[in-house]
Amino acid sequence: RAFEVLEIFKRKRKAQILYKEENLLDYV
């Protein structure tokens, strides 16, 4: 997951979300 985020970050330029925390059920 960490390396995927880093790869996406390198490719993108516009301010945006790259990784979202799990939905509430998974979090709970």
Full PDB file with SEQRES, HELIX, SHEET, SSBOND, CRYST1, ORIGX, SCALE, CONECT and MASTER records, all heavy atoms in Angstrom:
SEQRES   1 A   28  ARG ALA PHE GLU VAL LEU GLU ILE PHE LYS ARG LYS ARG          
SEQRES   2 A   28  LYS ALA GLN ILE LEU TYR LYS GLU GLU ASN LEU LEU ASP          
SEQRES   3 A   28  TYR VAL                                                      
HELIX    1 AA1 ALA A    2  ARG A   11  1                                  10    
HELIX    2 AA2 LEU A   24  TYR A   27  1                                   4    
CRYST1    1.000    1.000    1.000  90.00  90.00  90.00 P 1           1          
ORIGX1      1.000000  0.000000  0.000000        0.00000                         
ORIGX2      0.000000  1.000000  0.000000        0.00000                         
ORIGX3      0.000000  0.000000  1.000000        0.00000                         
SCALE1      1.000000  0.000000  0.000000        0.00000                         
SCALE2      0.000000  1.000000  0.000000        0.00000                         
SCALE3      0.000000  0.000000  1.000000        0.00000                         
ATOM      1  N   ARG A   1       0.842  -1.210   0.000  1.00  0.00           N  
ATOM      2  CA  ARG A   1       0.000   0.000   0.000  1.00  0.00           C  
ATOM      3  C   ARG A   1       0.871   1.251   0.000  1.00  0.00           C  
ATOM      4  O   ARG A   1       0.611   2.210  -0.735  1.00  0.00           O  
ATOM      5  CB  ARG A   1      -0.903   0.032   1.235  1.00  0.00           C  
ATOM      6  CG  ARG A   1      -2.084  -0.919   1.171  1.00  0.00           C  
ATOM      7  CD  ARG A   1      -2.931  -0.769   2.420  1.00  0.00           C  
ATOM      8  NE  ARG A   1      -3.955  -1.803   2.504  1.00  0.00           N  
ATOM      9  CZ  ARG A   1      -4.725  -2.017   3.563  1.00  0.00           C  
ATOM     10  NH1 ARG A   1      -4.564  -1.260   4.647  1.00  0.00           N  
ATOM     11  NH2 ARG A   1      -5.633  -2.963   3.552  1.00  0.00           N  
ATOM     12  N   ALA A   2       1.914   1.229   0.823  1.00  0.00           N  
ATOM     13  CA  ALA A   2       2.799   2.394   0.921  1.00  0.00           C  
ATOM     14  C   ALA A   2       3.494   2.669  -0.408  1.00  0.00           C  
ATOM     15  O   ALA A   2       3.555   3.825  -0.864  1.00  0.00           O  
ATOM     16  CB  ALA A   2       3.833   2.172   2.021  1.00  0.00           C  
ATOM     17  N   PHE A   3       4.007   1.629  -1.036  1.00  0.00           N  
ATOM     18  CA  PHE A   3       4.714   1.820  -2.307  1.00  0.00           C  
ATOM     19  C   PHE A   3       3.762   2.241  -3.426  1.00  0.00           C  
ATOM     20  O   PHE A   3       4.134   3.015  -4.311  1.00  0.00           O  
ATOM     21  CB  PHE A   3       5.477   0.545  -2.680  1.00  0.00           C  
ATOM     22  CG  PHE A   3       6.621   0.242  -1.740  1.00  0.00           C  
ATOM     23  CD1 PHE A   3       6.795  -1.034  -1.226  1.00  0.00           C  
ATOM     24  CD2 PHE A   3       7.509   1.236  -1.359  1.00  0.00           C  
ATOM     25  CE1 PHE A   3       7.828  -1.313  -0.343  1.00  0.00           C  
ATOM     26  CE2 PHE A   3       8.556   0.971  -0.481  1.00  0.00           C  
ATOM     27  CZ  PHE A   3       8.717  -0.310   0.027  1.00  0.00           C  
ATOM     28  N   GLU A   4       2.525   1.754  -3.387  1.00  0.00           N  
ATOM     29  CA  GLU A   4       1.522   2.179  -4.372  1.00  0.00           C  
ATOM     30  C   GLU A   4       1.254   3.668  -4.244  1.00  0.00           C  
ATOM     31  O   GLU A   4       1.154   4.386  -5.244  1.00  0.00           O  
ATOM     32  CB  GLU A   4       0.211   1.400  -4.170  1.00  0.00           C  
ATOM     33  CG  GLU A   4       0.237  -0.019  -4.715  1.00  0.00           C  
ATOM     34  CD  GLU A   4      -1.012  -0.802  -4.332  1.00  0.00           C  
ATOM     35  OE1 GLU A   4      -2.006  -0.173  -3.881  1.00  0.00           O  
ATOM     36  OE2 GLU A   4      -1.009  -2.033  -4.492  1.00  0.00           O  
ATOM     37  N   VAL A   5       1.111   4.132  -3.007  1.00  0.00           N  
ATOM     38  CA  VAL A   5       0.869   5.565  -2.765  1.00  0.00           C  
ATOM     39  C   VAL A   5       2.036   6.392  -3.294  1.00  0.00           C  
ATOM     40  O   VAL A   5       1.836   7.425  -3.953  1.00  0.00           O  
ATOM     41  CB  VAL A   5       0.660   5.831  -1.254  1.00  0.00           C  
ATOM     42  CG1 VAL A   5       0.691   7.337  -0.958  1.00  0.00           C  
ATOM     43  CG2 VAL A   5      -0.659   5.248  -0.785  1.00  0.00           C  
ATOM     44  N   LEU A   6       3.257   5.951  -3.032  1.00  0.00           N  
ATOM     45  CA  LEU A   6       4.440   6.686  -3.490  1.00  0.00           C  
ATOM     46  C   LEU A   6       4.521   6.738  -5.013  1.00  0.00           C  
ATOM     47  O   LEU A   6       4.886   7.765  -5.595  1.00  0.00           O  
ATOM     48  CB  LEU A   6       5.707   6.041  -2.919  1.00  0.00           C  
ATOM     49  CG  LEU A   6       5.920   6.213  -1.407  1.00  0.00           C  
ATOM     50  CD1 LEU A   6       7.040   5.310  -0.907  1.00  0.00           C  
ATOM     51  CD2 LEU A   6       6.221   7.670  -1.074  1.00  0.00           C  
ATOM     52  N   GLU A   7       4.146   5.656  -5.668  1.00  0.00           N  
ATOM     53  CA  GLU A   7       4.177   5.614  -7.133  1.00  0.00           C  
ATOM     54  C   GLU A   7       3.132   6.557  -7.736  1.00  0.00           C  
ATOM     55  O   GLU A   7       3.403   7.266  -8.701  1.00  0.00           O  
ATOM     56  CB  GLU A   7       3.950   4.176  -7.634  1.00  0.00           C  
ATOM     57  CG  GLU A   7       5.143   3.251  -7.449  1.00  0.00           C  
ATOM     58  CD  GLU A   7       6.390   3.782  -8.138  1.00  0.00           C  
ATOM     59  OE1 GLU A   7       6.310   4.166  -9.330  1.00  0.00           O  
ATOM     60  OE2 GLU A   7       7.452   3.845  -7.481  1.00  0.00           O  
ATOM     61  N   ILE A   8       1.938   6.554  -7.146  1.00  0.00           N  
ATOM     62  CA  ILE A   8       0.873   7.450  -7.635  1.00  0.00           C  
ATOM     63  C   ILE A   8       1.289   8.901  -7.422  1.00  0.00           C  
ATOM     64  O   ILE A   8       1.084   9.760  -8.279  1.00  0.00           O  
ATOM     65  CB  ILE A   8      -0.471   7.165  -6.914  1.00  0.00           C  
ATOM     66  CG1 ILE A   8      -0.955   5.741  -7.221  1.00  0.00           C  
ATOM     67  CG2 ILE A   8      -1.539   8.176  -7.344  1.00  0.00           C  
ATOM     68  CD1 ILE A   8      -2.134   5.300  -6.365  1.00  0.00           C  
ATOM     69  N   PHE A   9       1.895   9.181  -6.278  1.00  0.00           N  
ATOM     70  CA  PHE A   9       2.335  10.537  -5.955  1.00  0.00           C  
ATOM     71  C   PHE A   9       3.333  11.042  -6.998  1.00  0.00           C  
ATOM     72  O   PHE A   9       3.278  12.207  -7.418  1.00  0.00           O  
ATOM     73  CB  PHE A   9       2.970  10.558  -4.562  1.00  0.00           C  
ATOM     74  CG  PHE A   9       3.595  11.879  -4.198  1.00  0.00           C  
ATOM     75  CD1 PHE A   9       2.813  12.962  -3.828  1.00  0.00           C  
ATOM     76  CD2 PHE A   9       4.979  12.037  -4.230  1.00  0.00           C  
ATOM     77  CE1 PHE A   9       3.390  14.187  -3.503  1.00  0.00           C  
ATOM     78  CE2 PHE A   9       5.567  13.256  -3.902  1.00  0.00           C  
ATOM     79  CZ  PHE A   9       4.770  14.331  -3.533  1.00  0.00           C  
ATOM     80  N   LYS A  10       4.227  10.192  -7.419  1.00  0.00           N  
ATOM     81  CA  LYS A  10       5.249  10.600  -8.394  1.00  0.00           C  
ATOM     82  C   LYS A  10       4.634  10.960  -9.742  1.00  0.00           C  
ATOM     83  O   LYS A  10       5.121  11.848 -10.450  1.00  0.00           O  
ATOM     84  CB  LYS A  10       6.277   9.480  -8.572  1.00  0.00           C  
ATOM     85  CG  LYS A  10       7.180   9.283  -7.359  1.00  0.00           C  
ATOM     86  CD  LYS A  10       8.059   8.053  -7.533  1.00  0.00           C  
ATOM     87  CE  LYS A  10       8.897   7.808  -6.273  1.00  0.00           C  
ATOM     88  NZ  LYS A  10       9.692   6.558  -6.371  1.00  0.00           N  
ATOM     89  N   ARG A  11       3.512  10.287 -10.097  1.00  0.00           N  
ATOM     90  CA  ARG A  11       2.893  10.495 -11.412  1.00  0.00           C  
ATOM     91  C   ARG A  11       1.940  11.696 -11.445  1.00  0.00           C  
ATOM     92  O   ARG A  11       1.803  12.361 -12.461  1.00  0.00           O  
ATOM     93  CB  ARG A  11       2.109   9.248 -11.843  1.00  0.00           C  
ATOM     94  CG  ARG A  11       2.963   8.006 -12.065  1.00  0.00           C  
ATOM     95  CD  ARG A  11       2.212   6.976 -12.884  1.00  0.00           C  
ATOM     96  NE  ARG A  11       0.873   6.716 -12.357  1.00  0.00           N  
ATOM     97  CZ  ARG A  11       0.594   5.746 -11.497  1.00  0.00           C  
ATOM     98  NH1 ARG A  11       1.568   4.961 -11.057  1.00  0.00           N  
ATOM     99  NH2 ARG A  11      -0.641   5.548 -11.087  1.00  0.00           N  
ATOM    100  N   LYS A  12       1.259  11.956 -10.329  1.00  0.00           N  
ATOM    101  CA  LYS A  12       0.221  12.985 -10.300  1.00  0.00           C  
ATOM    102  C   LYS A  12       0.801  14.373 -10.005  1.00  0.00           C  
ATOM    103  O   LYS A  12       1.878  14.506  -9.440  1.00  0.00           O  
ATOM    104  CB  LYS A  12      -0.833  12.648  -9.233  1.00  0.00           C  
ATOM    105  CG  LYS A  12      -1.520  11.302  -9.443  1.00  0.00           C  
ATOM    106  CD  LYS A  12      -2.479  11.331 -10.613  1.00  0.00           C  
ATOM    107  CE  LYS A  12      -3.228  10.003 -10.740  1.00  0.00           C  
ATOM    108  NZ  LYS A  12      -4.167  10.006 -11.875  1.00  0.00           N  
ATOM    109  N   ARG A  13       0.024  15.397 -10.363  1.00  0.00           N  
ATOM    110  CA  ARG A  13       0.475  16.772 -10.145  1.00  0.00           C  
ATOM    111  C   ARG A  13      -0.550  17.605  -9.370  1.00  0.00           C  
ATOM    112  O   ARG A  13      -0.188  18.482  -8.605  1.00  0.00           O  
ATOM    113  CB  ARG A  13       0.759  17.460 -11.490  1.00  0.00           C  
ATOM    114  CG  ARG A  13       1.878  16.798 -12.289  1.00  0.00           C  
ATOM    115  CD  ARG A  13       2.162  17.553 -13.563  1.00  0.00           C  
ATOM    116  NE  ARG A  13       2.585  18.923 -13.316  1.00  0.00           N  
ATOM    117  CZ  ARG A  13       3.821  19.274 -12.991  1.00  0.00           C  
ATOM    118  NH1 ARG A  13       4.765  18.346 -12.872  1.00  0.00           N  
ATOM    119  NH2 ARG A  13       4.132  20.534 -12.788  1.00  0.00           N  
ATOM    120  N   LYS A  14      -1.836  17.327  -9.569  1.00  0.00           N  
ATOM    121  CA  LYS A  14      -2.903  18.116  -8.966  1.00  0.00           C  
ATOM    122  C   LYS A  14      -3.152  17.678  -7.520  1.00  0.00           C  
ATOM    123  O   LYS A  14      -3.060  16.498  -7.181  1.00  0.00           O  
ATOM    124  CB  LYS A  14      -4.186  17.939  -9.788  1.00  0.00           C  
ATOM    125  CG  LYS A  14      -5.324  18.819  -9.357  1.00  0.00           C  
ATOM    126  CD  LYS A  14      -6.545  18.562 -10.258  1.00  0.00           C  
ATOM    127  CE  LYS A  14      -7.735  19.381  -9.788  1.00  0.00           C  
ATOM    128  NZ  LYS A  14      -8.939  19.117 -10.620  1.00  0.00           N  
ATOM    129  N   ALA A  15      -3.482  18.633  -6.637  1.00  0.00           N  
ATOM    130  CA  ALA A  15      -3.799  18.323  -5.237  1.00  0.00           C  
ATOM    131  C   ALA A  15      -5.007  17.385  -5.178  1.00  0.00           C  
ATOM    132  O   ALA A  15      -6.060  17.681  -5.745  1.00  0.00           O  
ATOM    133  CB  ALA A  15      -4.103  19.606  -4.468  1.00  0.00           C  
ATOM    134  N   GLN A  16      -4.851  16.253  -4.491  1.00  0.00           N  
ATOM    135  CA  GLN A  16      -5.917  15.234  -4.469  1.00  0.00           C  
ATOM    136  C   GLN A  16      -5.624  14.186  -3.396  1.00  0.00           C  
ATOM    137  O   GLN A  16      -4.506  14.082  -2.898  1.00  0.00           O  
ATOM    138  CB  GLN A  16      -6.027  14.549  -5.825  1.00  0.00           C  
ATOM    139  CG  GLN A  16      -4.734  13.846  -6.241  1.00  0.00           C  
ATOM    140  CD  GLN A  16      -4.769  13.386  -7.673  1.00  0.00           C  
ATOM    141  OE1 GLN A  16      -5.342  12.344  -7.980  1.00  0.00           O  
ATOM    142  NE2 GLN A  16      -4.168  14.192  -8.565  1.00  0.00           N  
ATOM    143  N   ILE A  17      -6.645  13.397  -3.089  1.00  0.00           N  
ATOM    144  CA  ILE A  17      -6.462  12.296  -2.139  1.00  0.00           C  
ATOM    145  C   ILE A  17      -5.823  11.107  -2.862  1.00  0.00           C  
ATOM    146  O   ILE A  17      -6.173  10.775  -3.998  1.00  0.00           O  
ATOM    147  CB  ILE A  17      -7.810  11.895  -1.490  1.00  0.00           C  
ATOM    148  CG1 ILE A  17      -7.579  10.884  -0.363  1.00  0.00           C  
ATOM    149  CG2 ILE A  17      -8.801  11.370  -2.520  1.00  0.00           C  
ATOM    150  CD1 ILE A  17      -8.796  10.673   0.527  1.00  0.00           C  
ATOM    151  N   LEU A  18      -4.859  10.466  -2.196  1.00  0.00           N  
ATOM    152  CA  LEU A  18      -4.159   9.314  -2.774  1.00  0.00           C  
ATOM    153  C   LEU A  18      -4.481   8.024  -2.037  1.00  0.00           C  
ATOM    154  O   LEU A  18      -4.413   6.940  -2.617  1.00  0.00           O  
ATOM    155  CB  LEU A  18      -2.640   9.544  -2.729  1.00  0.00           C  
ATOM    156  CG  LEU A  18      -2.105  10.794  -3.417  1.00  0.00           C  
ATOM    157  CD1 LEU A  18      -0.587  10.850  -3.280  1.00  0.00           C  
ATOM    158  CD2 LEU A  18      -2.500  10.826  -4.891  1.00  0.00           C  
ATOM    159  N   TYR A  19      -4.812   8.148  -0.760  1.00  0.00           N  
ATOM    160  CA  TYR A  19      -5.095   6.956   0.052  1.00  0.00           C  
ATOM    161  C   TYR A  19      -6.134   7.318   1.100  1.00  0.00           C  
ATOM    162  O   TYR A  19      -5.987   8.296   1.823  1.00  0.00           O  
ATOM    163  CB  TYR A  19      -3.813   6.466   0.732  1.00  0.00           C  
ATOM    164  CG  TYR A  19      -4.016   5.366   1.754  1.00  0.00           C  
ATOM    165  CD1 TYR A  19      -4.182   4.043   1.367  1.00  0.00           C  
ATOM    166  CD2 TYR A  19      -4.040   5.668   3.118  1.00  0.00           C  
ATOM    167  CE1 TYR A  19      -4.361   3.038   2.306  1.00  0.00           C  
ATOM    168  CE2 TYR A  19      -4.217   4.669   4.064  1.00  0.00           C  
ATOM    169  CZ  TYR A  19      -4.380   3.356   3.649  1.00  0.00           C  
ATOM    170  OH  TYR A  19      -4.573   2.364   4.580  1.00  0.00           O  
ATOM    171  N   LYS A  20      -7.184   6.548   1.150  1.00  0.00           N  
ATOM    172  CA  LYS A  20      -8.257   6.804   2.106  1.00  0.00           C  
ATOM    173  C   LYS A  20      -8.281   5.692   3.138  1.00  0.00           C  
ATOM    174  O   LYS A  20      -8.140   4.517   2.798  1.00  0.00           O  
ATOM    175  CB  LYS A  20      -9.602   6.866   1.372  1.00  0.00           C  
ATOM    176  CG  LYS A  20     -10.764   7.340   2.232  1.00  0.00           C  
ATOM    177  CD  LYS A  20     -12.022   7.488   1.371  1.00  0.00           C  
ATOM    178  CE  LYS A  20     -13.230   7.861   2.203  1.00  0.00           C  
ATOM    179  NZ  LYS A  20     -13.130   9.174   2.833  1.00  0.00           N  
ATOM    180  N   GLU A  21      -8.433   6.082   4.393  1.00  0.00           N  
ATOM    181  CA  GLU A  21      -8.558   5.092   5.456  1.00  0.00           C  
ATOM    182  C   GLU A  21      -9.723   4.158   5.173  1.00  0.00           C  
ATOM    183  O   GLU A  21     -10.672   4.519   4.476  1.00  0.00           O  
ATOM    184  CB  GLU A  21      -8.778   5.797   6.810  1.00  0.00           C  
ATOM    185  CG  GLU A  21      -7.499   6.088   7.559  1.00  0.00           C  
ATOM    186  CD  GLU A  21      -6.944   4.876   8.281  1.00  0.00           C  
ATOM    187  OE1 GLU A  21      -7.514   3.781   8.171  1.00  0.00           O  
ATOM    188  OE2 GLU A  21      -5.917   5.032   8.953  1.00  0.00           O  
ATOM    189  N   GLU A  22      -9.674   2.975   5.710  1.00  0.00           N  
ATOM    190  CA  GLU A  22     -10.720   1.982   5.494  1.00  0.00           C  
ATOM    191  C   GLU A  22     -12.090   2.513   5.904  1.00  0.00           C  
ATOM    192  O   GLU A  22     -12.189   3.464   6.675  1.00  0.00           O  
ATOM    193  CB  GLU A  22     -10.406   0.724   6.315  1.00  0.00           C  
ATOM    194  CG  GLU A  22      -9.111   0.056   5.906  1.00  0.00           C  
ATOM    195  CD  GLU A  22      -8.665  -0.985   6.923  1.00  0.00           C  
ATOM    196  OE1 GLU A  22      -8.613  -0.642   8.103  1.00  0.00           O  
ATOM    197  OE2 GLU A  22      -8.399  -2.109   6.515  1.00  0.00           O  
ATOM    198  N   ASN A  23     -13.143   1.879   5.363  1.00  0.00           N  
ATOM    199  CA  ASN A  23     -14.486   2.291   5.762  1.00  0.00           C  
ATOM    200  C   ASN A  23     -14.670   2.035   7.257  1.00  0.00           C  
ATOM    201  O   ASN A  23     -13.869   1.348   7.886  1.00  0.00           O  
ATOM    202  CB  ASN A  23     -15.558   1.568   4.933  1.00  0.00           C  
ATOM    203  CG  ASN A  23     -15.512   0.058   5.114  1.00  0.00           C  
ATOM    204  OD1 ASN A  23     -15.434  -0.451   6.231  1.00  0.00           O  
ATOM    205  ND2 ASN A  23     -15.553  -0.663   4.005  1.00  0.00           N  
ATOM    206  N   LEU A  24     -15.736   2.596   7.825  1.00  0.00           N  
ATOM    207  CA  LEU A  24     -15.902   2.556   9.279  1.00  0.00           C  
ATOM    208  C   LEU A  24     -15.987   1.128   9.809  1.00  0.00           C  
ATOM    209  O   LEU A  24     -15.461   0.836  10.885  1.00  0.00           O  
ATOM    210  CB  LEU A  24     -17.143   3.351   9.690  1.00  0.00           C  
ATOM    211  CG  LEU A  24     -17.334   3.512  11.201  1.00  0.00           C  
ATOM    212  CD1 LEU A  24     -16.147   4.213  11.840  1.00  0.00           C  
ATOM    213  CD2 LEU A  24     -18.618   4.260  11.522  1.00  0.00           C  
ATOM    214  N   LEU A  25     -16.619   0.226   9.080  1.00  0.00           N  
ATOM    215  CA  LEU A  25     -16.734  -1.159   9.555  1.00  0.00           C  
ATOM    216  C   LEU A  25     -15.355  -1.782   9.728  1.00  0.00           C  
ATOM    217  O   LEU A  25     -15.052  -2.383  10.767  1.00  0.00           O  
ATOM    218  CB  LEU A  25     -17.583  -1.990   8.595  1.00  0.00           C  
ATOM    219  CG  LEU A  25     -17.751  -3.463   8.970  1.00  0.00           C  
ATOM    220  CD1 LEU A  25     -18.427  -3.610  10.329  1.00  0.00           C  
ATOM    221  CD2 LEU A  25     -18.534  -4.216   7.896  1.00  0.00           C  
ATOM    222  N   ASP A  26     -14.494  -1.646   8.708  1.00  0.00           N  
ATOM    223  CA  ASP A  26     -13.140  -2.189   8.811  1.00  0.00           C  
ATOM    224  C   ASP A  26     -12.360  -1.510   9.933  1.00  0.00           C  
ATOM    225  O   ASP A  26     -11.627  -2.152  10.676  1.00  0.00           O  
ATOM    226  CB  ASP A  26     -12.398  -2.016   7.483  1.00  0.00           C  
ATOM    227  CG  ASP A  26     -12.671  -3.151   6.509  1.00  0.00           C  
ATOM    228  OD1 ASP A  26     -12.351  -4.306   6.841  1.00  0.00           O  
ATOM    229  OD2 ASP A  26     -13.232  -2.892   5.432  1.00  0.00           O  
ATOM    230  N   TYR A  27     -12.539  -0.203  10.042  1.00  0.00           N  
ATOM    231  CA  TYR A  27     -11.847   0.553  11.089  1.00  0.00           C  
ATOM    232  C   TYR A  27     -12.266   0.057  12.476  1.00  0.00           C  
ATOM    233  O   TYR A  27     -11.433  -0.173  13.359  1.00  0.00           O  
ATOM    234  CB  TYR A  27     -12.140   2.040  10.945  1.00  0.00           C  
ATOM    235  CG  TYR A  27     -11.662   2.868  12.117  1.00  0.00           C  
ATOM    236  CD1 TYR A  27     -10.327   3.247  12.230  1.00  0.00           C  
ATOM    237  CD2 TYR A  27     -12.544   3.241  13.132  1.00  0.00           C  
ATOM    238  CE1 TYR A  27      -9.881   3.988  13.320  1.00  0.00           C  
ATOM    239  CE2 TYR A  27     -12.104   3.975  14.225  1.00  0.00           C  
ATOM    240  CZ  TYR A  27     -10.776   4.344  14.305  1.00  0.00           C  
ATOM    241  OH  TYR A  27     -10.341   5.055  15.396  1.00  0.00           O  
ATOM    242  N   VAL A  28     -13.578  -0.102  12.677  1.00  0.00           N  
ATOM    243  CA  VAL A  28     -14.105  -0.537  13.979  1.00  0.00           C  
ATOM    244  C   VAL A  28     -13.567  -1.916  14.335  1.00  0.00           C  
ATOM    245  O   VAL A  28     -13.110  -2.160  15.457  1.00  0.00           O  
ATOM    246  CB  VAL A  28     -15.652  -0.551  13.974  1.00  0.00           C  
ATOM    247  CG1 VAL A  28     -16.186  -1.196  15.250  1.00  0.00           C  
ATOM    248  CG2 VAL A  28     -16.191   0.855  13.834  1.00  0.00           C  
TER     249      VAL A  28                                                      
MASTER        0    0    0    2    0    0    0    6  248    1    0    3          
END                                                                             
